Amino acid sequence: MKARGQYNSRALSRERHLAVRRRSHHSSRGSLSVSPSGSDVSNPDWEAEAITAAEDFLQYKKTCSGCKCPREEHEVYHVEWVNVKERLGFKANTEPDKQNSRDRSYSEGYAWVPPGLPSYKIEQYFRNVPAAKVPKLGTAGEKYRDKQLVIQLPKQDLALTYCKHVEPAHYSSYEDFVNARNEIALDIAYAKEVTATSVCTKCKEAINTEDIAILAPKLGDQKLWHPGCFVCSCCDQLLVDLTYCVHYDQLYCERHYAEQLKPRCTACDELIFSGEYTKAMNKDWHSGHFCCWQCDESLTG
């Protein structure tokens, strides 16, 4: 599926049904005829309204307005994000490089593979990752990776283009944050075969000669991790495609790194750069987003 404008069929169907019910409830022109399958047979505009409703839940809230589940549960992913550098906006890859990376992953039977490892070492690498999180094509592990791309690398943290609630007065603050993060904290680790016995930075267990280990350049070349131990210090999830941030010598996914420095709005999932915001129940909101979860009425008085 493509990002923006193409939706999981179940999610779109749900939004269509909601749109039909809303029109039936609020219409002042009489009742709305609905077929047994849920189709509006009296108004040709129903599908346009349904699509608008489906877009609404993506534009404002981080939860679906219909079922209230997290946005990532609707699997609105970009199928071509095989190389995480594309999502980060890194410009190092040429088009042939991107294609080679994608083809290599698919040829090995995975949605992603650690770059630079020969095929027999790729299998060894994934044997050290929990089976449910191995991104093998057509498995739960592939869906897990897709979801973690959305959760760990939220697009609204990566470029102003994807932000809807950063005011012009705070554009420079946003750009300063992004530039500083990219320079001092954000990086992509790599896997390598170790040539001498070492110790995993997380679990403190041995990493033996010829084992595959992860090295994070921002933390120097002396610290190594087992593939299954290279996780965010906050959420404890595998760092997707080895993408990490460093803060006080700790590993974080980008989402939780950003939240060490900026509050994040619970409603829209964007970082808050304004000086004024609402704080309640140990969570943060843009002042205009502190609303009832069900009816969207403001709770700020």
C-alpha atoms as a PDB file:
ATOM      1  CA  MET A   1       0.000   0.000   0.000  1.00  0.00           C
ATOM      2  CA  LYS A   2       1.043   3.564  -0.641  1.00  0.00           C
ATOM      3  CA  ALA A   3       1.108   6.203   2.062  1.00  0.00           C
ATOM      4  CA  ARG A   4      -1.638   8.894   2.140  1.00  0.00           C
ATOM      5  CA  GLY A   5      -4.670   8.240   0.038  1.00  0.00           C
ATOM      6  CA  GLN A   6      -4.617   4.428   0.051  1.00  0.00           C
ATOM      7  CA  TYR A   7      -6.031   2.654   3.056  1.00  0.00           C
ATOM      8  CA  ASN A   8      -6.397  -0.760   4.520  1.00  0.00           C
ATOM      9  CA  SER A   9      -9.679  -2.052   3.109  1.00  0.00           C
ATOM     10  CA  ARG A  10     -11.060  -2.882   6.537  1.00  0.00           C
ATOM     11  CA  ALA A  11     -10.321   0.619   7.823  1.00  0.00           C
ATOM     12  CA  LEU A  12     -11.900   2.258   4.784  1.00  0.00           C
ATOM     13  CA  SER A  13     -14.929  -0.006   5.036  1.00  0.00           C
ATOM     14  CA  ARG A  14     -15.307   0.971   8.683  1.00  0.00           C
ATOM     15  CA  GLU A  15     -15.131   4.658   7.800  1.00  0.00           C
ATOM     16  CA  ARG A  16     -17.699   4.173   5.031  1.00  0.00           C
ATOM     17  CA  HIS A  17     -20.125   2.608   7.479  1.00  0.00           C
ATOM     18  CA  LEU A  18     -19.541   5.441   9.942  1.00  0.00           C
ATOM     19  CA  ALA A  19     -20.141   8.016   7.237  1.00  0.00           C
ATOM     20  CA  VAL A  20     -23.374   6.320   6.225  1.00  0.00           C
ATOM     21  CA  ARG A  21     -24.586   6.211   9.824  1.00  0.00           C
ATOM     22  CA  ARG A  22     -23.707   9.876  10.360  1.00  0.00           C
ATOM     23  CA  ARG A  23     -25.623  10.903   7.267  1.00  0.00           C
ATOM     24  CA  SER A  24     -28.580   8.773   8.351  1.00  0.00           C
ATOM     25  CA  HIS A  25     -28.577  10.310  11.812  1.00  0.00           C
ATOM     26  CA  HIS A  26     -28.058  13.947  10.862  1.00  0.00           C
ATOM     27  CA  SER A  27     -29.815  14.233   7.523  1.00  0.00           C
ATOM     28  CA  SER A  28     -32.677  16.726   7.538  1.00  0.00           C
ATOM     29  CA  ARG A  29     -33.930  15.518   4.157  1.00  0.00           C
ATOM     30  CA  GLY A  30     -35.444  12.271   5.308  1.00  0.00           C
ATOM     31  CA  SER A  31     -34.052   8.833   5.923  1.00  0.00           C
ATOM     32  CA  LEU A  32     -31.070   7.390   4.106  1.00  0.00           C
ATOM     33  CA  SER A  33     -31.564   4.102   2.315  1.00  0.00           C
ATOM     34  CA  VAL A  34     -28.821   1.596   3.024  1.00  0.00           C
ATOM     35  CA  SER A  35     -28.434  -1.786   1.367  1.00  0.00           C
ATOM     36  CA  PRO A  36     -27.765  -4.930   3.436  1.00  0.00           C
ATOM     37  CA  SER A  37     -24.085  -4.633   2.558  1.00  0.00           C
ATOM     38  CA  GLY A  38     -23.964  -1.139   4.023  1.00  0.00           C
ATOM     39  CA  SER A  39     -24.018   0.720   0.692  1.00  0.00           C
ATOM     40  CA  ASP A  40     -25.902   3.993   0.342  1.00  0.00           C
ATOM     41  CA  VAL A  41     -28.314   3.453  -2.552  1.00  0.00           C
ATOM     42  CA  SER A  42     -29.969   6.856  -2.462  1.00  0.00           C
ATOM     43  CA  ASN A  43     -27.063   9.291  -2.435  1.00  0.00           C
ATOM     44  CA  PRO A  44     -24.170   9.018  -4.917  1.00  0.00           C
ATOM     45  CA  ASP A  45     -22.018  11.276  -2.728  1.00  0.00           C
ATOM     46  CA  TRP A  46     -21.719   8.779   0.119  1.00  0.00           C
ATOM     47  CA  GLU A  47     -18.378   7.357  -1.015  1.00  0.00           C
ATOM     48  CA  ALA A  48     -16.781  10.793  -1.254  1.00  0.00           C
ATOM     49  CA  GLU A  49     -17.871  11.490   2.306  1.00  0.00           C
ATOM     50  CA  ALA A  50     -16.557   8.122   3.426  1.00  0.00           C
ATOM     51  CA  ILE A  51     -13.158   8.790   1.894  1.00  0.00           C
ATOM     52  CA  THR A  52     -13.106  12.218   3.534  1.00  0.00           C
ATOM     53  CA  ALA A  53     -13.880  10.575   6.861  1.00  0.00           C
ATOM     54  CA  ALA A  54     -11.082   8.087   6.320  1.00  0.00           C
ATOM     55  CA  GLU A  55      -8.668  10.934   5.615  1.00  0.00           C
ATOM     56  CA  ASP A  56      -9.849  12.838   8.687  1.00  0.00           C
ATOM     57  CA  PHE A  57      -8.689  10.178  11.085  1.00  0.00           C
ATOM     58  CA  LEU A  58      -5.211  10.277   9.533  1.00  0.00           C
ATOM     59  CA  GLN A  59      -4.883  14.055   9.452  1.00  0.00           C
ATOM     60  CA  TYR A  60      -5.606  15.065  13.024  1.00  0.00           C
ATOM     61  CA  LYS A  61      -5.556  12.271  15.549  1.00  0.00           C
ATOM     62  CA  LYS A  62      -3.079   9.505  16.140  1.00  0.00           C
ATOM     63  CA  THR A  63      -6.034   7.205  16.840  1.00  0.00           C
ATOM     64  CA  CYS A  64      -8.742   6.101  14.436  1.00  0.00           C
ATOM     65  CA  SER A  65     -11.936   8.098  14.953  1.00  0.00           C
ATOM     66  CA  GLY A  66     -13.967   4.967  14.266  1.00  0.00           C
ATOM     67  CA  CYS A  67     -12.486   2.177  16.361  1.00  0.00           C
ATOM     68  CA  LYS A  68     -10.101   4.275  18.548  1.00  0.00           C
ATOM     69  CA  CYS A  69      -7.206   1.930  17.843  1.00  0.00           C
ATOM     70  CA  PRO A  70      -3.714   3.331  17.151  1.00  0.00           C
ATOM     71  CA  ARG A  71      -3.149   4.665  13.656  1.00  0.00           C
ATOM     72  CA  GLU A  72      -0.425   2.109  12.924  1.00  0.00           C
ATOM     73  CA  GLU A  73      -2.947  -0.719  13.453  1.00  0.00           C
ATOM     74  CA  HIS A  74      -4.507   0.279  10.128  1.00  0.00           C
ATOM     75  CA  GLU A  75      -1.287  -0.660   8.355  1.00  0.00           C
ATOM     76  CA  VAL A  76      -1.061   2.557   6.326  1.00  0.00           C
ATOM     77  CA  TYR A  77       2.506   1.973   5.287  1.00  0.00           C
ATOM     78  CA  HIS A  78       4.637   2.783   2.285  1.00  0.00           C
ATOM     79  CA  VAL A  79       5.605  -0.521   0.676  1.00  0.00           C
ATOM     80  CA  GLU A  80       8.837   0.888  -0.736  1.00  0.00           C
ATOM     81  CA  TRP A  81      10.401   1.788   2.621  1.00  0.00           C
ATOM     82  CA  VAL A  82      12.736  -1.190   2.458  1.00  0.00           C
ATOM     83  CA  ASN A  83      15.707   1.079   3.141  1.00  0.00           C
ATOM     84  CA  VAL A  84      15.175   3.127   6.289  1.00  0.00           C
ATOM     85  CA  LYS A  85      17.403   5.880   4.880  1.00  0.00           C
ATOM     86  CA  GLU A  86      14.530   6.814   2.596  1.00  0.00           C
ATOM     87  CA  ARG A  87      12.281   7.465   5.574  1.00  0.00           C
ATOM     88  CA  LEU A  88      14.975   9.437   7.365  1.00  0.00           C
ATOM     89  CA  GLY A  89      15.573  11.570   4.283  1.00  0.00           C
ATOM     90  CA  PHE A  90      19.241  10.636   4.033  1.00  0.00           C
ATOM     91  CA  LYS A  91      20.541  11.481   0.566  1.00  0.00           C
ATOM     92  CA  ALA A  92      23.493   9.133   0.379  1.00  0.00           C
ATOM     93  CA  ASN A  93      21.751   6.415  -1.616  1.00  0.00           C
ATOM     94  CA  THR A  94      21.465   6.640  -5.389  1.00  0.00           C
ATOM     95  CA  GLU A  95      18.496   5.049  -7.120  1.00  0.00           C
ATOM     96  CA  PRO A  96      20.557   1.966  -8.109  1.00  0.00           C
ATOM     97  CA  ASP A  97      21.691   1.645  -4.486  1.00  0.00           C
ATOM     98  CA  LYS A  98      18.089   1.744  -3.281  1.00  0.00           C
ATOM     99  CA  GLN A  99      17.020  -0.846  -5.836  1.00  0.00           C
ATOM    100  CA  ASN A 100      19.942  -3.117  -4.981  1.00  0.00           C
ATOM    101  CA  SER A 101      19.086  -2.887  -1.273  1.00  0.00           C
ATOM    102  CA  ARG A 102      15.447  -3.707  -1.964  1.00  0.00           C
ATOM    103  CA  ASP A 103      16.255  -6.536  -4.342  1.00  0.00           C
ATOM    104  CA  ARG A 104      18.823  -7.994  -1.949  1.00  0.00           C
ATOM    105  CA  SER A 105      16.331  -8.053   0.916  1.00  0.00           C
ATOM    106  CA  TYR A 106      13.597  -9.643  -1.174  1.00  0.00           C
ATOM    107  CA  SER A 107      15.962 -12.170  -2.741  1.00  0.00           C
ATOM    108  CA  GLU A 108      16.916 -13.320   0.743  1.00  0.00           C
ATOM    109  CA  GLY A 109      13.243 -13.634   1.650  1.00  0.00           C
ATOM    110  CA  TYR A 110      13.122 -10.699   4.086  1.00  0.00           C
ATOM    111  CA  ALA A 111      11.634  -7.203   4.163  1.00  0.00           C
ATOM    112  CA  TRP A 112      15.016  -5.980   5.439  1.00  0.00           C
ATOM    113  CA  VAL A 113      18.457  -7.483   5.954  1.00  0.00           C
ATOM    114  CA  PRO A 114      21.497  -5.976   7.685  1.00  0.00           C
ATOM    115  CA  PRO A 115      23.649  -4.537   4.882  1.00  0.00           C
ATOM    116  CA  GLY A 116      27.109  -5.894   4.235  1.00  0.00           C
ATOM    117  CA  LEU A 117      26.595  -9.425   5.549  1.00  0.00           C
ATOM    118  CA  PRO A 118      26.872 -12.463   3.244  1.00  0.00           C
ATOM    119  CA  SER A 119      23.805 -14.685   2.943  1.00  0.00           C
ATOM    120  CA  TYR A 120      24.956 -17.344   5.394  1.00  0.00           C
ATOM    121  CA  LYS A 121      25.662 -14.653   7.992  1.00  0.00           C
ATOM    122  CA  ILE A 122      22.194 -13.146   7.508  1.00  0.00           C
ATOM    123  CA  GLU A 123      20.664 -16.403   8.722  1.00  0.00           C
ATOM    124  CA  GLN A 124      23.056 -16.371  11.661  1.00  0.00           C
ATOM    125  CA  TYR A 125      22.071 -12.772  12.448  1.00  0.00           C
ATOM    126  CA  PHE A 126      18.345 -13.529  12.554  1.00  0.00           C
ATOM    127  CA  ARG A 127      18.851 -16.610  14.723  1.00  0.00           C
ATOM    128  CA  ASN A 128      19.813 -14.118  17.427  1.00  0.00           C
ATOM    129  CA  VAL A 129      16.559 -12.141  17.091  1.00  0.00           C
ATOM    130  CA  PRO A 130      13.212 -13.237  18.616  1.00  0.00           C
ATOM    131  CA  ALA A 131      11.406 -15.323  15.984  1.00  0.00           C
ATOM    132  CA  ALA A 132       8.266 -13.147  16.078  1.00  0.00           C
ATOM    133  CA  LYS A 133      10.371 -10.105  15.164  1.00  0.00           C
ATOM    134  CA  VAL A 134      12.329 -11.551  12.229  1.00  0.00           C
ATOM    135  CA  PRO A 135      11.088  -9.574   9.156  1.00  0.00           C
ATOM    136  CA  LYS A 136      10.619 -12.595   6.915  1.00  0.00           C
ATOM    137  CA  LEU A 137       8.282 -11.838   4.032  1.00  0.00           C
ATOM    138  CA  GLY A 138       4.677 -12.783   4.663  1.00  0.00           C
ATOM    139  CA  THR A 139       5.079 -13.309   8.403  1.00  0.00           C
ATOM    140  CA  ALA A 140       4.146 -11.508  11.602  1.00  0.00           C
ATOM    141  CA  GLY A 141       7.754 -10.346  11.774  1.00  0.00           C
ATOM    142  CA  GLU A 142       7.323  -8.346   8.566  1.00  0.00           C
ATOM    143  CA  LYS A 143       4.247  -6.634  10.024  1.00  0.00           C
ATOM    144  CA  TYR A 144       6.158  -5.994  13.245  1.00  0.00           C
ATOM    145  CA  ARG A 145       8.879  -4.181  11.288  1.00  0.00           C
ATOM    146  CA  ASP A 146       6.299  -2.145   9.357  1.00  0.00           C
ATOM    147  CA  LYS A 147       4.666  -1.054  12.596  1.00  0.00           C
ATOM    148  CA  GLN A 148       7.979  -0.171  14.210  1.00  0.00           C
ATOM    149  CA  LEU A 149       8.914   2.030  11.246  1.00  0.00           C
ATOM    150  CA  VAL A 150       5.800   4.087  11.948  1.00  0.00           C
ATOM    151  CA  ILE A 151       6.197   4.080  15.730  1.00  0.00           C
ATOM    152  CA  GLN A 152       9.941   4.561  16.089  1.00  0.00           C
ATOM    153  CA  LEU A 153      10.446   6.928  13.152  1.00  0.00           C
ATOM    154  CA  PRO A 154       7.342   9.163  13.071  1.00  0.00           C
ATOM    155  CA  LYS A 155       7.423  11.230   9.895  1.00  0.00           C
ATOM    156  CA  GLN A 156       6.381  14.373  11.747  1.00  0.00           C
ATOM    157  CA  ASP A 157       9.645  14.188  13.710  1.00  0.00           C
ATOM    158  CA  LEU A 158      11.742  13.931  10.574  1.00  0.00           C
ATOM    159  CA  ALA A 159      10.628  16.845   8.400  1.00  0.00           C
ATOM    160  CA  LEU A 160       8.503  19.965   8.771  1.00  0.00           C
ATOM    161  CA  THR A 161       6.619  18.951   5.629  1.00  0.00           C
ATOM    162  CA  TYR A 162       4.753  16.321   7.636  1.00  0.00           C
ATOM    163  CA  CYS A 163       3.808  18.613  10.540  1.00  0.00           C
ATOM    164  CA  LYS A 164       0.365  20.203  10.715  1.00  0.00           C
ATOM    165  CA  HIS A 165       0.561  21.897  14.107  1.00  0.00           C
ATOM    166  CA  VAL A 166       3.941  23.645  14.221  1.00  0.00           C
ATOM    167  CA  GLU A 167       3.232  27.361  13.999  1.00  0.00           C
ATOM    168  CA  PRO A 168       5.383  29.517  11.680  1.00  0.00           C
ATOM    169  CA  ALA A 169       6.877  31.278  14.703  1.00  0.00           C
ATOM    170  CA  HIS A 170       8.372  27.931  15.760  1.00  0.00           C
ATOM    171  CA  TYR A 171       9.671  26.744  12.386  1.00  0.00           C
ATOM    172  CA  SER A 172      13.229  27.740  13.246  1.00  0.00           C
ATOM    173  CA  SER A 173      13.051  25.897  16.584  1.00  0.00           C
ATOM    174  CA  TYR A 174      11.861  22.790  14.781  1.00  0.00           C
ATOM    175  CA  GLU A 175      14.664  22.993  12.222  1.00  0.00           C
ATOM    176  CA  ASP A 176      17.252  23.579  14.954  1.00  0.00           C
ATOM    177  CA  PHE A 177      16.013  20.478  16.753  1.00  0.00           C
ATOM    178  CA  VAL A 178      16.177  18.345  13.598  1.00  0.00           C
ATOM    179  CA  ASN A 179      19.620  19.595  12.587  1.00  0.00           C
ATOM    180  CA  ALA A 180      21.098  19.071  16.052  1.00  0.00           C
ATOM    181  CA  ARG A 181      19.572  15.602  16.337  1.00  0.00           C
ATOM    182  CA  ASN A 182      20.842  14.538  12.941  1.00  0.00           C
ATOM    183  CA  GLU A 183      24.334  15.796  13.702  1.00  0.00           C
ATOM    184  CA  ILE A 184      24.918  14.559  17.232  1.00  0.00           C
ATOM    185  CA  ALA A 185      22.427  11.784  17.951  1.00  0.00           C
ATOM    186  CA  LEU A 186      20.849  10.025  14.955  1.00  0.00           C
ATOM    187  CA  ASP A 187      22.686   7.276  13.109  1.00  0.00           C
ATOM    188  CA  ILE A 188      22.383   3.793  11.628  1.00  0.00           C
ATOM    189  CA  ALA A 189      24.353   1.007  13.267  1.00  0.00           C
ATOM    190  CA  TYR A 190      25.805  -1.940  11.393  1.00  0.00           C
ATOM    191  CA  ALA A 191      26.351  -5.648  11.915  1.00  0.00           C
ATOM    192  CA  LYS A 192      29.747  -7.296  11.718  1.00  0.00           C
ATOM    193  CA  GLU A 193      31.456 -10.568  12.498  1.00  0.00           C
ATOM    194  CA  VAL A 194      33.607 -10.166  15.584  1.00  0.00           C
ATOM    195  CA  THR A 195      37.208 -11.327  15.541  1.00  0.00           C
ATOM    196  CA  ALA A 196      37.765 -11.477  19.295  1.00  0.00           C
ATOM    197  CA  THR A 197      35.598 -12.393  22.262  1.00  0.00           C
ATOM    198  CA  SER A 198      33.767  -9.419  23.742  1.00  0.00           C
ATOM    199  CA  VAL A 199      30.837  -8.653  26.054  1.00  0.00           C
ATOM    200  CA  CYS A 200      27.361  -7.419  25.091  1.00  0.00           C
ATOM    201  CA  THR A 201      26.758  -3.884  26.362  1.00  0.00           C
ATOM    202  CA  LYS A 202      23.175  -4.741  27.371  1.00  0.00           C
ATOM    203  CA  CYS A 203      23.030  -8.293  28.698  1.00  0.00           C
ATOM    204  CA  LYS A 204      26.705  -8.555  29.710  1.00  0.00           C
ATOM    205  CA  GLU A 205      26.876 -12.035  28.187  1.00  0.00           C
ATOM    206  CA  ALA A 206      29.760 -13.075  25.950  1.00  0.00           C
ATOM    207  CA  ILE A 207      29.957 -12.284  22.255  1.00  0.00           C
ATOM    208  CA  ASN A 208      32.219 -14.978  20.883  1.00  0.00           C
ATOM    209  CA  THR A 209      34.608 -14.987  17.966  1.00  0.00           C
ATOM    210  CA  GLU A 210      32.750 -15.298  14.629  1.00  0.00           C
ATOM    211  CA  ASP A 211      29.471 -14.217  16.245  1.00  0.00           C
ATOM    212  CA  ILE A 212      27.523 -11.382  14.639  1.00  0.00           C
ATOM    213  CA  ALA A 213      27.403  -8.219  16.734  1.00  0.00           C
ATOM    214  CA  ILE A 214      26.023  -4.698  16.347  1.00  0.00           C
ATOM    215  CA  LEU A 215      28.267  -1.652  16.467  1.00  0.00           C
ATOM    216  CA  ALA A 216      26.851   1.877  16.950  1.00  0.00           C
ATOM    217  CA  PRO A 217      29.408   4.427  15.682  1.00  0.00           C
ATOM    218  CA  LYS A 218      28.008   7.274  17.812  1.00  0.00           C
ATOM    219  CA  LEU A 219      29.048   5.289  20.903  1.00  0.00           C
ATOM    220  CA  GLY A 220      32.485   4.322  19.632  1.00  0.00           C
ATOM    221  CA  ASP A 221      33.912   1.040  18.403  1.00  0.00           C
ATOM    222  CA  GLN A 222      34.343  -0.654  21.776  1.00  0.00           C
ATOM    223  CA  LYS A 223      30.668  -1.240  22.571  1.00  0.00           C
ATOM    224  CA  LEU A 224      28.957  -4.215  20.959  1.00  0.00           C
ATOM    225  CA  TRP A 225      25.476  -5.738  21.211  1.00  0.00           C
ATOM    226  CA  HIS A 226      23.904  -9.059  20.365  1.00  0.00           C
ATOM    227  CA  PRO A 227      21.398  -8.497  17.511  1.00  0.00           C
ATOM    228  CA  GLY A 228      18.523  -9.217  19.910  1.00  0.00           C
ATOM    229  CA  CYS A 229      19.901  -6.823  22.531  1.00  0.00           C
ATOM    230  CA  PHE A 230      20.091  -3.727  20.324  1.00  0.00           C
ATOM    231  CA  VAL A 231      16.934  -2.127  21.722  1.00  0.00           C
ATOM    232  CA  CYS A 232      15.549   1.251  22.778  1.00  0.00           C
ATOM    233  CA  SER A 233      16.236   2.109  26.427  1.00  0.00           C
ATOM    234  CA  CYS A 234      12.655   3.346  26.803  1.00  0.00           C
ATOM    235  CA  CYS A 235      10.337   0.967  24.915  1.00  0.00           C
ATOM    236  CA  ASP A 236      12.705  -2.027  24.836  1.00  0.00           C
ATOM    237  CA  GLN A 237      11.825  -2.736  21.198  1.00  0.00           C
ATOM    238  CA  LEU A 238      14.409  -3.774  18.622  1.00  0.00           C
ATOM    239  CA  LEU A 239      15.748  -0.622  16.999  1.00  0.00           C
ATOM    240  CA  VAL A 240      14.161  -0.839  13.568  1.00  0.00           C
ATOM    241  CA  ASP A 241      16.676  -1.414  10.783  1.00  0.00           C
ATOM    242  CA  LEU A 242      19.428  -0.599  13.323  1.00  0.00           C
ATOM    243  CA  THR A 243      18.386   3.075  13.421  1.00  0.00           C
ATOM    244  CA  TYR A 244      19.194   4.646  16.776  1.00  0.00           C
ATOM    245  CA  CYS A 245      19.700   7.897  18.663  1.00  0.00           C
ATOM    246  CA  VAL A 246      22.107   8.498  21.538  1.00  0.00           C
ATOM    247  CA  HIS A 247      21.295  10.551  24.629  1.00  0.00           C
ATOM    248  CA  TYR A 248      23.595  10.486  27.655  1.00  0.00           C
ATOM    249  CA  ASP A 249      25.237   7.320  26.316  1.00  0.00           C
ATOM    250  CA  GLN A 250      21.898   5.501  26.144  1.00  0.00           C
ATOM    251  CA  LEU A 251      20.277   4.048  23.020  1.00  0.00           C
ATOM    252  CA  TYR A 252      16.836   5.303  22.007  1.00  0.00           C
ATOM    253  CA  CYS A 253      14.562   4.995  19.035  1.00  0.00           C
ATOM    254  CA  GLU A 254      13.995   8.401  17.446  1.00  0.00           C
ATOM    255  CA  ARG A 255      10.540   8.768  19.008  1.00  0.00           C
ATOM    256  CA  HIS A 256      11.754   8.303  22.557  1.00  0.00           C
ATOM    257  CA  TYR A 257      14.926  10.297  21.989  1.00  0.00           C
ATOM    258  CA  ALA A 258      12.779  13.251  20.905  1.00  0.00           C
ATOM    259  CA  GLU A 259      10.599  12.857  23.984  1.00  0.00           C
ATOM    260  CA  GLN A 260      13.640  13.231  26.219  1.00  0.00           C
ATOM    261  CA  LEU A 261      13.920  16.783  24.881  1.00  0.00           C
ATOM    262  CA  LYS A 262      10.421  17.894  23.868  1.00  0.00           C
ATOM    263  CA  PRO A 263       6.861  17.142  25.040  1.00  0.00           C
ATOM    264  CA  ARG A 264       4.709  15.257  22.552  1.00  0.00           C
ATOM    265  CA  CYS A 265       1.015  15.959  22.037  1.00  0.00           C
ATOM    266  CA  THR A 266      -1.044  12.938  23.051  1.00  0.00           C
ATOM    267  CA  ALA A 267      -3.721  13.819  20.483  1.00  0.00           C
ATOM    268  CA  CYS A 268      -1.847  14.586  17.252  1.00  0.00           C
ATOM    269  CA  ASP A 269       1.459  12.851  18.085  1.00  0.00           C
ATOM    270  CA  GLU A 270       3.549  15.881  17.099  1.00  0.00           C
ATOM    271  CA  LEU A 271       6.287  17.375  19.231  1.00  0.00           C
ATOM    272  CA  ILE A 272       5.313  20.601  20.979  1.00  0.00           C
ATOM    273  CA  PHE A 273       7.552  23.589  20.287  1.00  0.00           C
ATOM    274  CA  SER A 274       5.339  26.302  21.754  1.00  0.00           C
ATOM    275  CA  GLY A 275       5.908  27.502  25.299  1.00  0.00           C
ATOM    276  CA  GLU A 276       2.295  26.933  26.332  1.00  0.00           C
ATOM    277  CA  TYR A 277       0.654  23.540  26.381  1.00  0.00           C
ATOM    278  CA  THR A 278      -1.676  21.500  28.548  1.00  0.00           C
ATOM    279  CA  LYS A 279      -0.367  18.884  30.952  1.00  0.00           C
ATOM    280  CA  ALA A 280      -2.716  16.410  32.633  1.00  0.00           C
ATOM    281  CA  MET A 281      -2.610  12.796  33.784  1.00  0.00           C
ATOM    282  CA  ASN A 282       1.135  12.724  33.128  1.00  0.00           C
ATOM    283  CA  LYS A 283       0.544  13.482  29.452  1.00  0.00           C
ATOM    284  CA  ASP A 284       0.936  16.554  27.254  1.00  0.00           C
ATOM    285  CA  TRP A 285      -1.343  18.216  24.696  1.00  0.00           C
ATOM    286  CA  HIS A 286      -1.293  21.205  22.412  1.00  0.00           C
ATOM    287  CA  SER A 287      -3.703  23.569  24.142  1.00  0.00           C
ATOM    288  CA  GLY A 288      -6.266  23.231  21.363  1.00  0.00           C
ATOM    289  CA  HIS A 289      -6.028  19.435  21.318  1.00  0.00           C
ATOM    290  CA  PHE A 290      -7.039  18.733  24.923  1.00  0.00           C
ATOM    291  CA  CYS A 291     -10.449  17.344  23.972  1.00  0.00           C
ATOM    292  CA  CYS A 292     -12.856  14.566  24.855  1.00  0.00           C
ATOM    293  CA  TRP A 293     -11.702  11.293  23.336  1.00  0.00           C
ATOM    294  CA  GLN A 294     -15.223  10.469  22.158  1.00  0.00           C
ATOM    295  CA  CYS A 295     -16.892  13.753  21.136  1.00  0.00           C
ATOM    296  CA  ASP A 296     -13.893  16.065  20.545  1.00  0.00           C
ATOM    297  CA  GLU A 297     -15.326  18.797  22.776  1.00  0.00           C
ATOM    298  CA  SER A 298     -12.601  20.981  24.306  1.00  0.00           C
ATOM    299  CA  LEU A 299     -11.726  20.262  27.935  1.00  0.00           C
ATOM    300  CA  THR A 300      -9.705  23.425  28.484  1.00  0.00           C
ATOM    301  CA  GLY A 301     -12.660  25.436  29.717  1.00  0.00           C
END
